[in-house]
Amino acid sequence: DNGPLQRHVLSRTLTGLSRQQLRHATAA
């Protein structure tokens, strides 16, 4: 929807997901 996403703003952009969930989502 919004184009490339800077890795350092993942947690601010995808609120409600823990760091572990974000790490998993990017790794998967």
All heavy atoms as atom14 arrays in JSON, in Angstrom:
{
  "sequence": "DNGPLQRHVLSRTLTGLSRQQLRHATAA",
  "atom14_mask": [
    [1, 1, 1, 1, 1, 1, 1, 1, 0, 0, 0, 0, 0, 0],
    [1, 1, 1, 1, 1, 1, 1, 1, 0, 0, 0, 0, 0, 0],
    [1, 1, 1, 1, 0, 0, 0, 0, 0, 0, 0, 0, 0, 0],
    [1, 1, 1, 1, 1, 1, 1, 0, 0, 0, 0, 0, 0, 0],
    [1, 1, 1, 1, 1, 1, 1, 1, 0, 0, 0, 0, 0, 0],
    [1, 1, 1, 1, 1, 1, 1, 1, 1, 0, 0, 0, 0, 0],
    [1, 1, 1, 1, 1, 1, 1, 1, 1, 1, 1, 0, 0, 0],
    [1, 1, 1, 1, 1, 1, 1, 1, 1, 1, 0, 0, 0, 0],
    [1, 1, 1, 1, 1, 1, 1, 0, 0, 0, 0, 0, 0, 0],
    [1, 1, 1, 1, 1, 1, 1, 1, 0, 0, 0, 0, 0, 0],
    [1, 1, 1, 1, 1, 1, 0, 0, 0, 0, 0, 0, 0, 0],
    [1, 1, 1, 1, 1, 1, 1, 1, 1, 1, 1, 0, 0, 0],
    [1, 1, 1, 1, 1, 1, 1, 0, 0, 0, 0, 0, 0, 0],
    [1, 1, 1, 1, 1, 1, 1, 1, 0, 0, 0, 0, 0, 0],
    [1, 1, 1, 1, 1, 1, 1, 0, 0, 0, 0, 0, 0, 0],
    [1, 1, 1, 1, 0, 0, 0, 0, 0, 0, 0, 0, 0, 0],
    [1, 1, 1, 1, 1, 1, 1, 1, 0, 0, 0, 0, 0, 0],
    [1, 1, 1, 1, 1, 1, 0, 0, 0, 0, 0, 0, 0, 0],
    [1, 1, 1, 1, 1, 1, 1, 1, 1, 1, 1, 0, 0, 0],
    [1, 1, 1, 1, 1, 1, 1, 1, 1, 0, 0, 0, 0, 0],
    [1, 1, 1, 1, 1, 1, 1, 1, 1, 0, 0, 0, 0, 0],
    [1, 1, 1, 1, 1, 1, 1, 1, 0, 0, 0, 0, 0, 0],
    [1, 1, 1, 1, 1, 1, 1, 1, 1, 1, 1, 0, 0, 0],
    [1, 1, 1, 1, 1, 1, 1, 1, 1, 1, 0, 0, 0, 0],
    [1, 1, 1, 1, 1, 0, 0, 0, 0, 0, 0, 0, 0, 0],
    [1, 1, 1, 1, 1, 1, 1, 0, 0, 0, 0, 0, 0, 0],
    [1, 1, 1, 1, 1, 0, 0, 0, 0, 0, 0, 0, 0, 0],
    [1, 1, 1, 1, 1, 0, 0, 0, 0, 0, 0, 0, 0, 0]
  ],
  "atom14_positions": [
    [[0.8, -1.23, 0.0], [0.0, 0.0, 0.0], [0.84, 1.27, 0.0], [0.45, 2.27, -0.61], [-0.92, 0.04, 1.23], [-2.03, -0.99, 1.17], [-2.28, -1.55, 0.08], [-2.66, -1.23, 2.22], [0.0, 0.0, 0.0], [0.0, 0.0, 0.0], [0.0, 0.0, 0.0], [0.0, 0.0, 0.0], [0.0, 0.0, 0.0], [0.0, 0.0, 0.0]],
    [[1.97, 1.26, 0.7], [2.72, 2.5, 0.94], [4.16, 2.51, 0.45], [4.88, 3.47, 0.7], [2.68, 2.83, 2.44], [1.26, 3.04, 2.9], [0.54, 3.85, 2.35], [0.84, 2.27, 3.89], [0.0, 0.0, 0.0], [0.0, 0.0, 0.0], [0.0, 0.0, 0.0], [0.0, 0.0, 0.0], [0.0, 0.0, 0.0], [0.0, 0.0, 0.0]],
    [[4.6, 1.45, -0.19], [5.95, 1.43, -0.73], [6.97, 0.92, 0.28], [6.62, 0.47, 1.37], [0.0, 0.0, 0.0], [0.0, 0.0, 0.0], [0.0, 0.0, 0.0], [0.0, 0.0, 0.0], [0.0, 0.0, 0.0], [0.0, 0.0, 0.0], [0.0, 0.0, 0.0], [0.0, 0.0, 0.0], [0.0, 0.0, 0.0], [0.0, 0.0, 0.0]],
    [[8.26, 0.97, -0.11], [9.33, 0.44, 0.74], [9.24, 0.97, 2.17], [8.83, 2.11, 2.41], [10.61, 0.94, 0.06], [10.2, 1.11, -1.38], [8.77, 1.58, -1.33], [0.0, 0.0, 0.0], [0.0, 0.0, 0.0], [0.0, 0.0, 0.0], [0.0, 0.0, 0.0], [0.0, 0.0, 0.0], [0.0, 0.0, 0.0], [0.0, 0.0, 0.0]],
    [[9.61, 0.11, 3.1], [9.49, 0.42, 4.51], [10.86, 0.36, 5.17], [11.55, -0.66, 5.07], [8.55, -0.61, 5.16], [8.17, -0.45, 6.61], [7.47, 0.89, 6.85], [7.24, -1.57, 7.02], [0.0, 0.0, 0.0], [0.0, 0.0, 0.0], [0.0, 0.0, 0.0], [0.0, 0.0, 0.0], [0.0, 0.0, 0.0], [0.0, 0.0, 0.0]],
    [[11.25, 1.46, 5.79], [12.54, 1.48, 6.47], [12.47, 0.55, 7.68], [11.51, 0.59, 8.45], [12.9, 2.89, 6.91], [13.14, 3.82, 5.74], [13.5, 5.22, 6.19], [13.54, 5.53, 7.37], [13.76, 6.08, 5.23], [0.0, 0.0, 0.0], [0.0, 0.0, 0.0], [0.0, 0.0, 0.0], [0.0, 0.0, 0.0], [0.0, 0.0, 0.0]],
    [[13.51, -0.28, 7.81], [13.5, -1.28, 8.88], [13.43, -0.65, 10.27], [12.79, -1.19, 11.16], [14.73, -2.18, 8.77], [14.57, -3.15, 7.62], [15.67, -4.14, 7.46], [16.41, -4.45, 8.65], [17.65, -4.92, 8.66], [18.26, -5.15, 7.53], [18.26, -5.19, 9.78], [0.0, 0.0, 0.0], [0.0, 0.0, 0.0], [0.0, 0.0, 0.0]],
    [[14.05, 0.51, 10.45], [14.07, 1.1, 11.79], [12.72, 1.72, 12.2], [12.55, 2.08, 13.35], [15.21, 2.12, 11.93], [15.01, 3.39, 11.15], [15.33, 3.49, 9.82], [14.5, 4.58, 11.52], [15.04, 4.71, 9.4], [14.53, 5.38, 10.41], [0.0, 0.0, 0.0], [0.0, 0.0, 0.0], [0.0, 0.0, 0.0], [0.0, 0.0, 0.0]],
    [[11.76, 1.8, 11.29], [10.45, 2.34, 11.66], [9.36, 1.26, 11.67], [8.17, 1.57, 11.79], [10.02, 3.52, 10.74], [10.98, 4.67, 10.86], [9.85, 3.07, 9.32], [0.0, 0.0, 0.0], [0.0, 0.0, 0.0], [0.0, 0.0, 0.0], [0.0, 0.0, 0.0], [0.0, 0.0, 0.0], [0.0, 0.0, 0.0], [0.0, 0.0, 0.0]],
    [[9.76, 0.0, 11.59], [8.78, -1.09, 11.58], [7.84, -1.03, 12.78], [6.63, -1.12, 12.63], [9.48, -2.45, 11.56], [9.95, -2.98, 10.23], [10.73, -4.27, 10.43], [8.8, -3.2, 9.29], [0.0, 0.0, 0.0], [0.0, 0.0, 0.0], [0.0, 0.0, 0.0], [0.0, 0.0, 0.0], [0.0, 0.0, 0.0], [0.0, 0.0, 0.0]],
    [[8.41, -0.9, 13.97], [7.57, -0.96, 15.18], [6.64, 0.25, 15.28], [5.56, 0.13, 15.83], [8.43, -1.09, 16.43], [9.28, 0.03, 16.56], [0.0, 0.0, 0.0], [0.0, 0.0, 0.0], [0.0, 0.0, 0.0], [0.0, 0.0, 0.0], [0.0, 0.0, 0.0], [0.0, 0.0, 0.0], [0.0, 0.0, 0.0], [0.0, 0.0, 0.0]],
    [[7.04, 1.39, 14.74], [6.16, 2.57, 14.76], [5.08, 2.46, 13.69], [3.98, 2.96, 13.86], [6.96, 3.85, 14.55], [7.71, 4.27, 15.8], [8.41, 5.56, 15.58], [9.58, 5.26, 14.72], [10.31, 6.15, 14.12], [10.03, 7.43, 14.22], [11.35, 5.81, 13.4], [0.0, 0.0, 0.0], [0.0, 0.0, 0.0], [0.0, 0.0, 0.0]],
    [[5.4, 1.8, 12.59], [4.44, 1.67, 11.48], [3.45, 0.55, 11.74], [2.25, 0.69, 11.49], [5.2, 1.42, 10.17], [6.13, 2.48, 9.97], [4.25, 1.35, 8.99], [0.0, 0.0, 0.0], [0.0, 0.0, 0.0], [0.0, 0.0, 0.0], [0.0, 0.0, 0.0], [0.0, 0.0, 0.0], [0.0, 0.0, 0.0], [0.0, 0.0, 0.0]],
    [[3.96, -0.57, 12.2], [3.11, -1.76, 12.43], [2.84, -1.9, 13.92], [3.28, -2.86, 14.56], [3.79, -3.0, 11.85], [4.1, -2.93, 10.36], [4.92, -4.11, 9.9], [2.83, -2.83, 9.55], [0.0, 0.0, 0.0], [0.0, 0.0, 0.0], [0.0, 0.0, 0.0], [0.0, 0.0, 0.0], [0.0, 0.0, 0.0], [0.0, 0.0, 0.0]],
    [[2.11, -0.96, 14.46], [1.82, -0.96, 15.89], [1.0, -2.2, 16.26], [0.28, -2.76, 15.43], [1.03, 0.3, 16.3], [-0.16, 0.37, 15.54], [1.87, 1.56, 16.05], [0.0, 0.0, 0.0], [0.0, 0.0, 0.0], [0.0, 0.0, 0.0], [0.0, 0.0, 0.0], [0.0, 0.0, 0.0], [0.0, 0.0, 0.0], [0.0, 0.0, 0.0]],
    [[1.17, -2.62, 17.49], [0.43, -3.78, 17.97], [1.17, -5.09, 17.78], [0.72, -6.12, 18.25], [0.0, 0.0, 0.0], [0.0, 0.0, 0.0], [0.0, 0.0, 0.0], [0.0, 0.0, 0.0], [0.0, 0.0, 0.0], [0.0, 0.0, 0.0], [0.0, 0.0, 0.0], [0.0, 0.0, 0.0], [0.0, 0.0, 0.0], [0.0, 0.0, 0.0]],
    [[2.29, -5.05, 17.08], [3.11, -6.25, 16.91], [4.37, -6.1, 17.76], [5.0, -5.04, 17.75], [3.51, -6.45, 15.45], [2.39, -6.76, 14.46], [2.94, -6.8, 13.03], [1.74, -8.09, 14.8], [0.0, 0.0, 0.0], [0.0, 0.0, 0.0], [0.0, 0.0, 0.0], [0.0, 0.0, 0.0], [0.0, 0.0, 0.0], [0.0, 0.0, 0.0]],
    [[4.72, -7.15, 18.47], [5.92, -7.11, 19.29], [7.16, -7.15, 18.4], [7.08, -7.48, 17.21], [5.95, -8.31, 20.24], [6.16, -9.51, 19.5], [0.0, 0.0, 0.0], [0.0, 0.0, 0.0], [0.0, 0.0, 0.0], [0.0, 0.0, 0.0], [0.0, 0.0, 0.0], [0.0, 0.0, 0.0], [0.0, 0.0, 0.0], [0.0, 0.0, 0.0]],
    [[8.31, -6.85, 18.98], [9.57, -6.93, 18.22], [9.79, -8.35, 17.7], [10.27, -8.56, 16.6], [10.75, -6.5, 19.08], [10.82, -5.02, 19.25], [12.03, -4.62, 20.06], [12.02, -3.2, 20.22], [13.06, -2.43, 19.99], [14.19, -2.96, 19.63], [12.97, -1.14, 20.14], [0.0, 0.0, 0.0], [0.0, 0.0, 0.0], [0.0, 0.0, 0.0]],
    [[9.43, -9.32, 18.53], [9.58, -10.72, 18.12], [8.69, -11.02, 16.92], [9.12, -11.68, 15.97], [9.24, -11.66, 19.28], [9.4, -13.12, 18.92], [9.08, -14.04, 20.09], [8.77, -13.59, 21.18], [9.15, -15.33, 19.84], [0.0, 0.0, 0.0], [0.0, 0.0, 0.0], [0.0, 0.0, 0.0], [0.0, 0.0, 0.0], [0.0, 0.0, 0.0]],
    [[7.46, -10.55, 16.94], [6.55, -10.77, 15.81], [7.08, -10.08, 14.56], [6.98, -10.63, 13.46], [5.15, -10.26, 16.14], [4.43, -11.11, 17.17], [3.14, -10.46, 17.63], [3.1, -9.26, 17.91], [2.09, -11.26, 17.72], [0.0, 0.0, 0.0], [0.0, 0.0, 0.0], [0.0, 0.0, 0.0], [0.0, 0.0, 0.0], [0.0, 0.0, 0.0]],
    [[7.62, -8.88, 14.71], [8.18, -8.16, 13.56], [9.41, -8.87, 13.01], [9.56, -9.0, 11.78], [8.53, -6.72, 13.95], [7.35, -5.81, 14.22], [7.81, -4.49, 14.83], [6.55, -5.58, 12.95], [0.0, 0.0, 0.0], [0.0, 0.0, 0.0], [0.0, 0.0, 0.0], [0.0, 0.0, 0.0], [0.0, 0.0, 0.0], [0.0, 0.0, 0.0]],
    [[10.29, -9.34, 13.9], [11.47, -10.1, 13.44], [11.02, -11.35, 12.7], [11.56, -11.69, 11.65], [12.35, -10.49, 14.64], [13.33, -9.42, 15.03], [14.4, -9.96, 15.98], [13.85, -10.63, 17.15], [13.53, -10.03, 18.28], [13.71, -8.73, 18.42], [13.06, -10.71, 19.29], [0.0, 0.0, 0.0], [0.0, 0.0, 0.0], [0.0, 0.0, 0.0]],
    [[10.03, -12.02, 13.27], [9.54, -13.23, 12.62], [8.93, -12.92, 11.25], [9.18, -13.62, 10.27], [8.5, -13.95, 13.47], [7.8, -15.0, 12.68], [8.43, -16.15, 12.3], [6.59, -15.01, 12.1], [7.6, -16.85, 11.55], [6.48, -16.18, 11.42], [0.0, 0.0, 0.0], [0.0, 0.0, 0.0], [0.0, 0.0, 0.0], [0.0, 0.0, 0.0]],
    [[8.1, -11.89, 11.18], [7.44, -11.55, 9.92], [8.47, -11.22, 8.84], [8.34, -11.66, 7.7], [6.48, -10.38, 10.12], [0.0, 0.0, 0.0], [0.0, 0.0, 0.0], [0.0, 0.0, 0.0], [0.0, 0.0, 0.0], [0.0, 0.0, 0.0], [0.0, 0.0, 0.0], [0.0, 0.0, 0.0], [0.0, 0.0, 0.0], [0.0, 0.0, 0.0]],
    [[9.5, -10.46, 9.19], [10.52, -10.13, 8.18], [11.35, -11.35, 7.82], [11.66, -11.57, 6.65], [11.43, -8.97, 8.64], [12.02, -9.29, 9.9], [10.64, -7.67, 8.75], [0.0, 0.0, 0.0], [0.0, 0.0, 0.0], [0.0, 0.0, 0.0], [0.0, 0.0, 0.0], [0.0, 0.0, 0.0], [0.0, 0.0, 0.0], [0.0, 0.0, 0.0]],
    [[11.68, -12.17, 8.81], [12.45, -13.39, 8.52], [11.64, -14.35, 7.66], [12.16, -14.92, 6.68], [12.89, -14.08, 9.82], [0.0, 0.0, 0.0], [0.0, 0.0, 0.0], [0.0, 0.0, 0.0], [0.0, 0.0, 0.0], [0.0, 0.0, 0.0], [0.0, 0.0, 0.0], [0.0, 0.0, 0.0], [0.0, 0.0, 0.0], [0.0, 0.0, 0.0]],
    [[10.38, -14.53, 7.99], [9.52, -15.42, 7.21], [9.33, -14.86, 5.81], [9.39, -15.6, 4.82], [8.17, -15.6, 7.9], [0.0, 0.0, 0.0], [0.0, 0.0, 0.0], [0.0, 0.0, 0.0], [0.0, 0.0, 0.0], [0.0, 0.0, 0.0], [0.0, 0.0, 0.0], [0.0, 0.0, 0.0], [0.0, 0.0, 0.0], [0.0, 0.0, 0.0]]
  ]
}
